[in-house]
Protein backbone atom coordinates (compact mmCIF):
# COMPACT_ATOMS: atom_id res chain seq x y z
CA UNK A 1 0.00 0.00 0.00
CA UNK A 2 2.83 2.39 0.87
CA UNK A 3 4.51 1.63 -2.46
CA UNK A 4 1.26 2.47 -4.27
CA UNK A 5 0.89 5.79 -2.43
CA UNK A 6 4.48 6.76 -3.18
CA UNK A 7 4.04 5.88 -6.85
CA UNK A 8 0.80 7.86 -7.06
CA UNK A 9 2.46 10.85 -5.39
CA UNK A 10 5.38 10.68 -7.83
CA UNK A 11 3.04 10.47 -10.83
CA UNK A 12 1.07 13.49 -9.61
CA UNK A 13 4.22 15.56 -9.09
CA UNK A 14 5.65 14.63 -12.48
CA UNK A 15 2.33 15.00 -14.30
CA UNK A 16 1.25 18.29 -12.70
CA UNK A 17 4.38 20.28 -11.80
CA UNK A 18 2.36 23.44 -11.06
CA UNK A 19 1.19 21.77 -7.84
CA UNK A 20 4.67 21.99 -6.33
CA UNK A 21 5.59 25.50 -7.52
CA UNK A 22 5.94 28.19 -4.88
CA UNK A 23 3.21 30.71 -4.17
CA UNK A 24 3.02 34.12 -5.80
CA UNK A 25 4.65 35.81 -2.81
CA UNK A 26 7.88 33.89 -3.36
CA UNK A 27 8.18 35.37 -6.85
CA UNK A 28 7.89 38.96 -5.62
CA UNK A 29 10.91 41.22 -5.13
CA UNK A 30 12.56 41.02 -1.69
CA UNK A 31 11.67 44.65 -0.95
CA UNK A 32 7.95 44.18 -1.53
CA UNK A 33 5.66 44.82 1.45
CA UNK A 34 4.11 41.34 1.20
CA UNK A 35 7.53 39.70 1.46
CA UNK A 36 8.51 41.87 4.42
CA UNK A 37 5.21 41.03 6.11
CA UNK A 38 5.71 37.31 5.64
CA UNK A 39 9.26 37.51 6.96
CA UNK A 40 8.10 39.36 10.06
CA UNK A 41 5.27 36.86 10.56
CA UNK A 42 7.78 34.01 10.45
CA UNK A 43 10.02 35.78 12.97
CA UNK A 44 7.09 36.41 15.32
CA UNK A 45 6.02 32.76 15.16
CA UNK A 46 9.59 31.59 15.80
CA UNK A 47 9.95 33.99 18.73
CA UNK A 48 6.66 32.84 20.23
CA UNK A 49 7.58 29.17 19.86
CA UNK A 50 11.05 29.72 21.31
CA UNK A 51 9.56 31.66 24.22
CA UNK A 52 7.06 28.95 25.06
CA UNK A 53 9.66 26.18 24.83
CA UNK A 54 12.09 28.11 27.02
CA UNK A 55 9.35 28.63 29.62
CA UNK A 56 8.67 24.90 29.65
CA UNK A 57 12.37 24.15 30.12
CA UNK A 58 12.74 26.75 32.87
CA UNK A 59 9.67 25.41 34.68
CA UNK A 60 11.03 21.88 34.51
CA UNK A 61 14.40 23.00 35.89
CA UNK A 62 12.66 24.93 38.66
CA UNK A 63 10.59 21.88 39.65
CA UNK A 64 13.71 19.71 39.67
CA UNK A 65 15.60 22.13 41.94
CA UNK A 66 12.64 22.45 44.31
CA UNK A 67 12.22 18.69 44.58
CA UNK A 68 15.94 18.24 45.18
CA UNK A 69 15.91 20.87 47.94
CA UNK A 70 12.81 19.28 49.49
CA UNK A 71 14.39 15.79 49.42
CA UNK A 72 17.51 17.14 51.17
CA UNK A 73 15.41 18.82 53.87
CA UNK A 74 13.38 15.66 54.46
CA UNK A 75 16.54 13.57 54.59
CA UNK A 76 18.15 16.00 57.07
CA UNK A 77 15.03 16.03 59.26
CA UNK A 78 14.74 12.26 59.17
CA UNK A 79 18.36 11.63 60.18
CA UNK A 80 18.48 14.34 62.85
CA UNK A 81 15.38 12.96 64.52
CA UNK A 82 13.52 16.24 64.64
PDB file of N, CA and C in Angstrom:
ATOM      1  N   UNK A   1       0.827  -1.191   0.000  1.00  0.00           N
ATOM      2  CA  UNK A   1       0.000   0.000   0.000  1.00  0.00           C
ATOM      3  C   UNK A   1       0.875   1.259   0.000  1.00  0.00           C
ATOM      4  N   UNK A   2       1.938   1.246   0.811  1.00  0.00           N
ATOM      5  CA  UNK A   2       2.831   2.394   0.870  1.00  0.00           C
ATOM      6  C   UNK A   2       3.495   2.619  -0.486  1.00  0.00           C
ATOM      7  N   UNK A   3       3.874   1.531  -1.141  1.00  0.00           N
ATOM      8  CA  UNK A   3       4.507   1.633  -2.456  1.00  0.00           C
ATOM      9  C   UNK A   3       3.544   2.267  -3.463  1.00  0.00           C
ATOM     10  N   UNK A   4       2.268   1.900  -3.382  1.00  0.00           N
ATOM     11  CA  UNK A   4       1.258   2.468  -4.269  1.00  0.00           C
ATOM     12  C   UNK A   4       1.096   3.968  -4.027  1.00  0.00           C
ATOM     13  N   UNK A   5       1.057   4.370  -2.762  1.00  0.00           N
ATOM     14  CA  UNK A   5       0.893   5.795  -2.428  1.00  0.00           C
ATOM     15  C   UNK A   5       2.097   6.594  -2.902  1.00  0.00           C
ATOM     16  N   UNK A   6       3.284   6.066  -2.713  1.00  0.00           N
ATOM     17  CA  UNK A   6       4.479   6.759  -3.182  1.00  0.00           C
ATOM     18  C   UNK A   6       4.480   6.894  -4.701  1.00  0.00           C
ATOM     19  N   UNK A   7       4.086   5.834  -5.387  1.00  0.00           N
ATOM     20  CA  UNK A   7       4.037   5.876  -6.849  1.00  0.00           C
ATOM     21  C   UNK A   7       3.006   6.889  -7.327  1.00  0.00           C
ATOM     22  N   UNK A   8       1.844   6.905  -6.701  1.00  0.00           N
ATOM     23  CA  UNK A   8       0.804   7.864  -7.057  1.00  0.00           C
ATOM     24  C   UNK A   8       1.283   9.294  -6.825  1.00  0.00           C
ATOM     25  N   UNK A   9       1.925   9.522  -5.703  1.00  0.00           N
ATOM     26  CA  UNK A   9       2.460  10.850  -5.392  1.00  0.00           C
ATOM     27  C   UNK A   9       3.481  11.279  -6.431  1.00  0.00           C
ATOM     28  N   UNK A  10       4.369  10.389  -6.824  1.00  0.00           N
ATOM     29  CA  UNK A  10       5.381  10.682  -7.832  1.00  0.00           C
ATOM     30  C   UNK A  10       4.740  10.989  -9.184  1.00  0.00           C
ATOM     31  N   UNK A  11       3.728  10.234  -9.564  1.00  0.00           N
ATOM     32  CA  UNK A  11       3.036  10.473 -10.829  1.00  0.00           C
ATOM     33  C   UNK A  11       2.356  11.836 -10.822  1.00  0.00           C
ATOM     34  N   UNK A  12       1.736  12.195  -9.702  1.00  0.00           N
ATOM     35  CA  UNK A  12       1.066  13.494  -9.612  1.00  0.00           C
ATOM     36  C   UNK A  12       2.083  14.621  -9.724  1.00  0.00           C
ATOM     37  N   UNK A  13       3.209  14.505  -9.042  1.00  0.00           N
ATOM     38  CA  UNK A  13       4.220  15.560  -9.089  1.00  0.00           C
ATOM     39  C   UNK A  13       4.806  15.696 -10.490  1.00  0.00           C
ATOM     40  N   UNK A  14       5.085  14.578 -11.133  1.00  0.00           N
ATOM     41  CA  UNK A  14       5.655  14.633 -12.484  1.00  0.00           C
ATOM     42  C   UNK A  14       4.614  15.105 -13.496  1.00  0.00           C
ATOM     43  N   UNK A  15       3.380  14.665 -13.351  1.00  0.00           N
ATOM     44  CA  UNK A  15       2.333  15.004 -14.305  1.00  0.00           C
ATOM     45  C   UNK A  15       1.805  16.420 -14.170  1.00  0.00           C
ATOM     46  N   UNK A  16       1.788  16.954 -12.960  1.00  0.00           N
ATOM     47  CA  UNK A  16       1.255  18.286 -12.704  1.00  0.00           C
ATOM     48  C   UNK A  16       2.276  19.101 -11.902  1.00  0.00           C
ATOM     49  N   UNK A  17       3.317  19.595 -12.544  1.00  0.00           N
ATOM     50  CA  UNK A  17       4.379  20.282 -11.803  1.00  0.00           C
ATOM     51  C   UNK A  17       3.934  21.614 -11.182  1.00  0.00           C
ATOM     52  N   UNK A  18       2.822  22.171 -11.642  1.00  0.00           N
ATOM     53  CA  UNK A  18       2.357  23.436 -11.057  1.00  0.00           C
ATOM     54  C   UNK A  18       1.891  23.260  -9.613  1.00  0.00           C
ATOM     55  N   UNK A  19       1.625  22.029  -9.220  1.00  0.00           N
ATOM     56  CA  UNK A  19       1.194  21.775  -7.842  1.00  0.00           C
ATOM     57  C   UNK A  19       2.319  22.088  -6.861  1.00  0.00           C
ATOM     58  N   UNK A  20       3.554  21.827  -7.250  1.00  0.00           N
ATOM     59  CA  UNK A  20       4.670  21.992  -6.331  1.00  0.00           C
ATOM     60  C   UNK A  20       5.417  23.306  -6.527  1.00  0.00           C
ATOM     61  N   UNK A  21       4.933  24.210  -7.345  1.00  0.00           N
ATOM     62  CA  UNK A  21       5.593  25.500  -7.520  1.00  0.00           C
ATOM     63  C   UNK A  21       5.287  26.396  -6.332  1.00  0.00           C
ATOM     64  N   UNK A  22       6.175  27.325  -6.028  1.00  0.00           N
ATOM     65  CA  UNK A  22       5.940  28.194  -4.882  1.00  0.00           C
ATOM     66  C   UNK A  22       4.792  29.164  -5.122  1.00  0.00           C
ATOM     67  N   UNK A  23       4.333  29.765  -4.066  1.00  0.00           N
ATOM     68  CA  UNK A  23       3.213  30.708  -4.170  1.00  0.00           C
ATOM     69  C   UNK A  23       3.663  32.011  -4.832  1.00  0.00           C
ATOM     70  N   UNK A  24       2.714  32.871  -5.100  1.00  0.00           N
ATOM     71  CA  UNK A  24       3.017  34.116  -5.801  1.00  0.00           C
ATOM     72  C   UNK A  24       3.910  35.036  -4.964  1.00  0.00           C
ATOM     73  N   UNK A  25       3.838  34.944  -3.661  1.00  0.00           N
ATOM     74  CA  UNK A  25       4.647  35.806  -2.810  1.00  0.00           C
ATOM     75  C   UNK A  25       6.132  35.507  -2.959  1.00  0.00           C
ATOM     76  N   UNK A  26       6.466  34.254  -3.218  1.00  0.00           N
ATOM     77  CA  UNK A  26       7.879  33.886  -3.363  1.00  0.00           C
ATOM     78  C   UNK A  26       8.496  34.455  -4.632  1.00  0.00           C
ATOM     79  N   UNK A  27       7.676  34.810  -5.607  1.00  0.00           N
ATOM     80  CA  UNK A  27       8.179  35.371  -6.852  1.00  0.00           C
ATOM     81  C   UNK A  27       8.361  36.884  -6.781  1.00  0.00           C
ATOM     82  N   UNK A  28       7.865  37.504  -5.738  1.00  0.00           N
ATOM     83  CA  UNK A  28       7.895  38.961  -5.616  1.00  0.00           C
ATOM     84  C   UNK A  28       9.302  39.407  -5.216  1.00  0.00           C
ATOM     85  N   UNK A  29       9.613  40.655  -5.503  1.00  0.00           N
ATOM     86  CA  UNK A  29      10.912  41.223  -5.132  1.00  0.00           C
ATOM     87  C   UNK A  29      11.087  41.200  -3.617  1.00  0.00           C
ATOM     88  N   UNK A  30      12.316  41.092  -3.141  1.00  0.00           N
ATOM     89  CA  UNK A  30      12.557  41.018  -1.692  1.00  0.00           C
ATOM     90  C   UNK A  30      12.149  42.276  -0.935  1.00  0.00           C
ATOM     91  N   UNK A  31      12.040  43.400  -1.618  1.00  0.00           N
ATOM     92  CA  UNK A  31      11.675  44.647  -0.946  1.00  0.00           C
ATOM     93  C   UNK A  31      10.173  44.895  -0.946  1.00  0.00           C
ATOM     94  N   UNK A  32       9.397  43.996  -1.472  1.00  0.00           N
ATOM     95  CA  UNK A  32       7.950  44.178  -1.531  1.00  0.00           C
ATOM     96  C   UNK A  32       7.349  44.094  -0.128  1.00  0.00           C
ATOM     97  N   UNK A  33       6.286  44.843   0.130  1.00  0.00           N
ATOM     98  CA  UNK A  33       5.658  44.816   1.448  1.00  0.00           C
ATOM     99  C   UNK A  33       5.126  43.433   1.847  1.00  0.00           C
ATOM    100  N   UNK A  34       4.633  42.678   0.874  1.00  0.00           N
ATOM    101  CA  UNK A  34       4.112  41.339   1.204  1.00  0.00           C
ATOM    102  C   UNK A  34       5.234  40.425   1.687  1.00  0.00           C
ATOM    103  N   UNK A  35       6.400  40.519   1.052  1.00  0.00           N
ATOM    104  CA  UNK A  35       7.535  39.699   1.458  1.00  0.00           C
ATOM    105  C   UNK A  35       8.031  40.097   2.840  1.00  0.00           C
ATOM    106  N   UNK A  36       8.090  41.397   3.093  1.00  0.00           N
ATOM    107  CA  UNK A  36       8.508  41.866   4.420  1.00  0.00           C
ATOM    108  C   UNK A  36       7.517  41.419   5.494  1.00  0.00           C
ATOM    109  N   UNK A  37       6.237  41.474   5.157  1.00  0.00           N
ATOM    110  CA  UNK A  37       5.213  41.033   6.107  1.00  0.00           C
ATOM    111  C   UNK A  37       5.330  39.554   6.425  1.00  0.00           C
ATOM    112  N   UNK A  38       5.555  38.752   5.404  1.00  0.00           N
ATOM    113  CA  UNK A  38       5.714  37.315   5.638  1.00  0.00           C
ATOM    114  C   UNK A  38       6.962  37.010   6.459  1.00  0.00           C
ATOM    115  N   UNK A  39       8.039  37.720   6.184  1.00  0.00           N
ATOM    116  CA  UNK A  39       9.265  37.507   6.959  1.00  0.00           C
ATOM    117  C   UNK A  39       9.052  37.876   8.424  1.00  0.00           C
ATOM    118  N   UNK A  40       8.358  38.972   8.673  1.00  0.00           N
ATOM    119  CA  UNK A  40       8.098  39.363  10.059  1.00  0.00           C
ATOM    120  C   UNK A  40       7.156  38.366  10.741  1.00  0.00           C
ATOM    121  N   UNK A  41       6.183  37.852   9.993  1.00  0.00           N
ATOM    122  CA  UNK A  41       5.272  36.856  10.563  1.00  0.00           C
ATOM    123  C   UNK A  41       6.036  35.601  10.965  1.00  0.00           C
ATOM    124  N   UNK A  42       6.967  35.193  10.120  1.00  0.00           N
ATOM    125  CA  UNK A  42       7.780  34.012  10.445  1.00  0.00           C
ATOM    126  C   UNK A  42       8.616  34.274  11.695  1.00  0.00           C
ATOM    127  N   UNK A  43       9.210  35.455  11.791  1.00  0.00           N
ATOM    128  CA  UNK A  43      10.015  35.780  12.972  1.00  0.00           C
ATOM    129  C   UNK A  43       9.175  35.810  14.241  1.00  0.00           C
ATOM    130  N   UNK A  44       7.969  36.359  14.152  1.00  0.00           N
ATOM    131  CA  UNK A  44       7.086  36.408  15.324  1.00  0.00           C
ATOM    132  C   UNK A  44       6.709  34.992  15.761  1.00  0.00           C
ATOM    133  N   UNK A  45       6.376  34.134  14.810  1.00  0.00           N
ATOM    134  CA  UNK A  45       6.023  32.758  15.159  1.00  0.00           C
ATOM    135  C   UNK A  45       7.211  32.013  15.769  1.00  0.00           C
ATOM    136  N   UNK A  46       8.399  32.226  15.227  1.00  0.00           N
ATOM    137  CA  UNK A  46       9.587  31.595  15.797  1.00  0.00           C
ATOM    138  C   UNK A  46       9.865  32.112  17.205  1.00  0.00           C
ATOM    139  N   UNK A  47       9.711  33.406  17.404  1.00  0.00           N
ATOM    140  CA  UNK A  47       9.947  33.986  18.730  1.00  0.00           C
ATOM    141  C   UNK A  47       8.930  33.454  19.744  1.00  0.00           C
ATOM    142  N   UNK A  48       7.684  33.352  19.333  1.00  0.00           N
ATOM    143  CA  UNK A  48       6.657  32.835  20.235  1.00  0.00           C
ATOM    144  C   UNK A  48       6.937  31.383  20.601  1.00  0.00           C
ATOM    145  N   UNK A  49       7.283  30.571  19.603  1.00  0.00           N
ATOM    146  CA  UNK A  49       7.578  29.169  19.858  1.00  0.00           C
ATOM    147  C   UNK A  49       8.798  29.018  20.758  1.00  0.00           C
ATOM    148  N   UNK A  50       9.847  29.781  20.472  1.00  0.00           N
ATOM    149  CA  UNK A  50      11.053  29.717  21.307  1.00  0.00           C
ATOM    150  C   UNK A  50      10.750  30.169  22.733  1.00  0.00           C
ATOM    151  N   UNK A  51       9.930  31.186  22.882  1.00  0.00           N
ATOM    152  CA  UNK A  51       9.562  31.660  24.216  1.00  0.00           C
ATOM    153  C   UNK A  51       8.800  30.612  25.008  1.00  0.00           C
ATOM    154  N   UNK A  52       7.846  29.972  24.370  1.00  0.00           N
ATOM    155  CA  UNK A  52       7.062  28.949  25.063  1.00  0.00           C
ATOM    156  C   UNK A  52       7.931  27.740  25.433  1.00  0.00           C
ATOM    157  N   UNK A  53       8.787  27.317  24.517  1.00  0.00           N
ATOM    158  CA  UNK A  53       9.658  26.182  24.827  1.00  0.00           C
ATOM    159  C   UNK A  53      10.644  26.514  25.938  1.00  0.00           C
ATOM    160  N   UNK A  54      11.165  27.731  25.940  1.00  0.00           N
ATOM    161  CA  UNK A  54      12.085  28.109  27.016  1.00  0.00           C
ATOM    162  C   UNK A  54      11.370  28.182  28.358  1.00  0.00           C
ATOM    163  N   UNK A  55      10.113  28.634  28.363  1.00  0.00           N
ATOM    164  CA  UNK A  55       9.353  28.635  29.617  1.00  0.00           C
ATOM    165  C   UNK A  55       9.117  27.220  30.132  1.00  0.00           C
ATOM    166  N   UNK A  56       8.858  26.296  29.239  1.00  0.00           N
ATOM    167  CA  UNK A  56       8.667  24.901  29.650  1.00  0.00           C
ATOM    168  C   UNK A  56       9.953  24.339  30.240  1.00  0.00           C
ATOM    169  N   UNK A  57      11.080  24.631  29.614  1.00  0.00           N
ATOM    170  CA  UNK A  57      12.371  24.148  30.121  1.00  0.00           C
ATOM    171  C   UNK A  57      12.679  24.785  31.472  1.00  0.00           C
ATOM    172  N   UNK A  58      12.469  26.084  31.601  1.00  0.00           N
ATOM    173  CA  UNK A  58      12.741  26.754  32.872  1.00  0.00           C
ATOM    174  C   UNK A  58      11.834  26.243  33.987  1.00  0.00           C
ATOM    175  N   UNK A  59      10.585  25.955  33.681  1.00  0.00           N
ATOM    176  CA  UNK A  59       9.675  25.413  34.682  1.00  0.00           C
ATOM    177  C   UNK A  59      10.127  24.022  35.120  1.00  0.00           C
ATOM    178  N   UNK A  60      10.554  23.217  34.178  1.00  0.00           N
ATOM    179  CA  UNK A  60      11.034  21.876  34.510  1.00  0.00           C
ATOM    180  C   UNK A  60      12.276  21.945  35.395  1.00  0.00           C
ATOM    181  N   UNK A  61      13.195  22.828  35.072  1.00  0.00           N
ATOM    182  CA  UNK A  61      14.401  23.000  35.892  1.00  0.00           C
ATOM    183  C   UNK A  61      14.035  23.485  37.287  1.00  0.00           C
ATOM    184  N   UNK A  62      13.096  24.420  37.360  1.00  0.00           N
ATOM    185  CA  UNK A  62      12.662  24.927  38.659  1.00  0.00           C
ATOM    186  C   UNK A  62      12.047  23.818  39.512  1.00  0.00           C
ATOM    187  N   UNK A  63      11.195  22.991  38.908  1.00  0.00           N
ATOM    188  CA  UNK A  63      10.594  21.882  39.653  1.00  0.00           C
ATOM    189  C   UNK A  63      11.655  20.896  40.121  1.00  0.00           C
ATOM    190  N   UNK A  64      12.644  20.634  39.287  1.00  0.00           N
ATOM    191  CA  UNK A  64      13.714  19.710  39.665  1.00  0.00           C
ATOM    192  C   UNK A  64      14.491  20.251  40.860  1.00  0.00           C
ATOM    193  N   UNK A  65      14.842  21.546  40.826  1.00  0.00           N
ATOM    194  CA  UNK A  65      15.601  22.131  41.941  1.00  0.00           C
ATOM    195  C   UNK A  65      14.782  22.143  43.219  1.00  0.00           C
ATOM    196  N   UNK A  66      13.487  22.442  43.117  1.00  0.00           N
ATOM    197  CA  UNK A  66      12.643  22.448  44.307  1.00  0.00           C
ATOM    198  C   UNK A  66      12.526  21.046  44.911  1.00  0.00           C
ATOM    199  N   UNK A  67      12.349  20.058  44.049  1.00  0.00           N
ATOM    200  CA  UNK A  67      12.217  18.694  44.576  1.00  0.00           C
ATOM    201  C   UNK A  67      13.524  18.228  45.202  1.00  0.00           C
ATOM    202  N   UNK A  68      14.649  18.610  44.623  1.00  0.00           N
ATOM    203  CA  UNK A  68      15.941  18.236  45.181  1.00  0.00           C
ATOM    204  C   UNK A  68      16.136  18.892  46.557  1.00  0.00           C
ATOM    205  N   UNK A  69      15.788  20.168  46.659  1.00  0.00           N
ATOM    206  CA  UNK A  69      15.909  20.867  47.939  1.00  0.00           C
ATOM    207  C   UNK A  69      14.983  20.246  48.976  1.00  0.00           C
ATOM    208  N   UNK A  70      13.766  19.897  48.565  1.00  0.00           N
ATOM    209  CA  UNK A  70      12.814  19.278  49.488  1.00  0.00           C
ATOM    210  C   UNK A  70      13.315  17.909  49.964  1.00  0.00           C
ATOM    211  N   UNK A  71      13.865  17.105  49.034  1.00  0.00           N
ATOM    212  CA  UNK A  71      14.393  15.794  49.416  1.00  0.00           C
ATOM    213  C   UNK A  71      15.535  15.927  50.407  1.00  0.00           C
ATOM    214  N   UNK A  72      16.409  16.934  50.222  1.00  0.00           N
ATOM    215  CA  UNK A  72      17.511  17.138  51.165  1.00  0.00           C
ATOM    216  C   UNK A  72      17.000  17.553  52.540  1.00  0.00           C
ATOM    217  N   UNK A  73      15.963  18.397  52.581  1.00  0.00           N
ATOM    218  CA  UNK A  73      15.406  18.819  53.865  1.00  0.00           C
ATOM    219  C   UNK A  73      14.746  17.646  54.583  1.00  0.00           C
ATOM    220  N   UNK A  74      14.033  16.816  53.849  1.00  0.00           N
ATOM    221  CA  UNK A  74      13.378  15.657  54.456  1.00  0.00           C
ATOM    222  C   UNK A  74      14.426  14.680  54.964  1.00  0.00           C
ATOM    223  N   UNK A  75      15.473  14.474  54.202  1.00  0.00           N
ATOM    224  CA  UNK A  75      16.543  13.572  54.592  1.00  0.00           C
ATOM    225  C   UNK A  75      17.241  14.093  55.864  1.00  0.00           C
ATOM    226  N   UNK A  76      17.496  15.396  55.910  1.00  0.00           N
ATOM    227  CA  UNK A  76      18.153  16.004  57.074  1.00  0.00           C
ATOM    228  C   UNK A  76      17.259  15.877  58.309  1.00  0.00           C
ATOM    229  N   UNK A  77      15.978  16.119  58.152  1.00  0.00           N
ATOM    230  CA  UNK A  77      15.033  16.026  59.258  1.00  0.00           C
ATOM    231  C   UNK A  77      14.911  14.586  59.756  1.00  0.00           C
ATOM    232  N   UNK A  78      14.899  13.668  58.814  1.00  0.00           N
ATOM    233  CA  UNK A  78      14.742  12.259  59.175  1.00  0.00           C
ATOM    234  C   UNK A  78      15.965  11.750  59.954  1.00  0.00           C
ATOM    235  N   UNK A  79      17.168  12.120  59.520  1.00  0.00           N
ATOM    236  CA  UNK A  79      18.364  11.629  60.180  1.00  0.00           C
ATOM    237  C   UNK A  79      18.680  12.374  61.476  1.00  0.00           C
ATOM    238  N   UNK A  80      18.227  13.604  61.616  1.00  0.00           N
ATOM    239  CA  UNK A  80      18.477  14.341  62.850  1.00  0.00           C
ATOM    240  C   UNK A  80      17.451  14.014  63.917  1.00  0.00           C
ATOM    241  N   UNK A  81      16.374  13.386  63.556  1.00  0.00           N
ATOM    242  CA  UNK A  81      15.377  12.955  64.524  1.00  0.00           C
ATOM    243  C   UNK A  81      14.478  14.075  64.982  1.00  0.00           C
ATOM    244  N   UNK A  82      14.372  15.111  64.234  1.00  0.00           N
ATOM    245  CA  UNK A  82      13.518  16.238  64.645  1.00  0.00           C
ATOM    246  C   UNK A  82      12.101  16.033  64.228  1.00  0.00           C
TER     247      UNK A  82
END
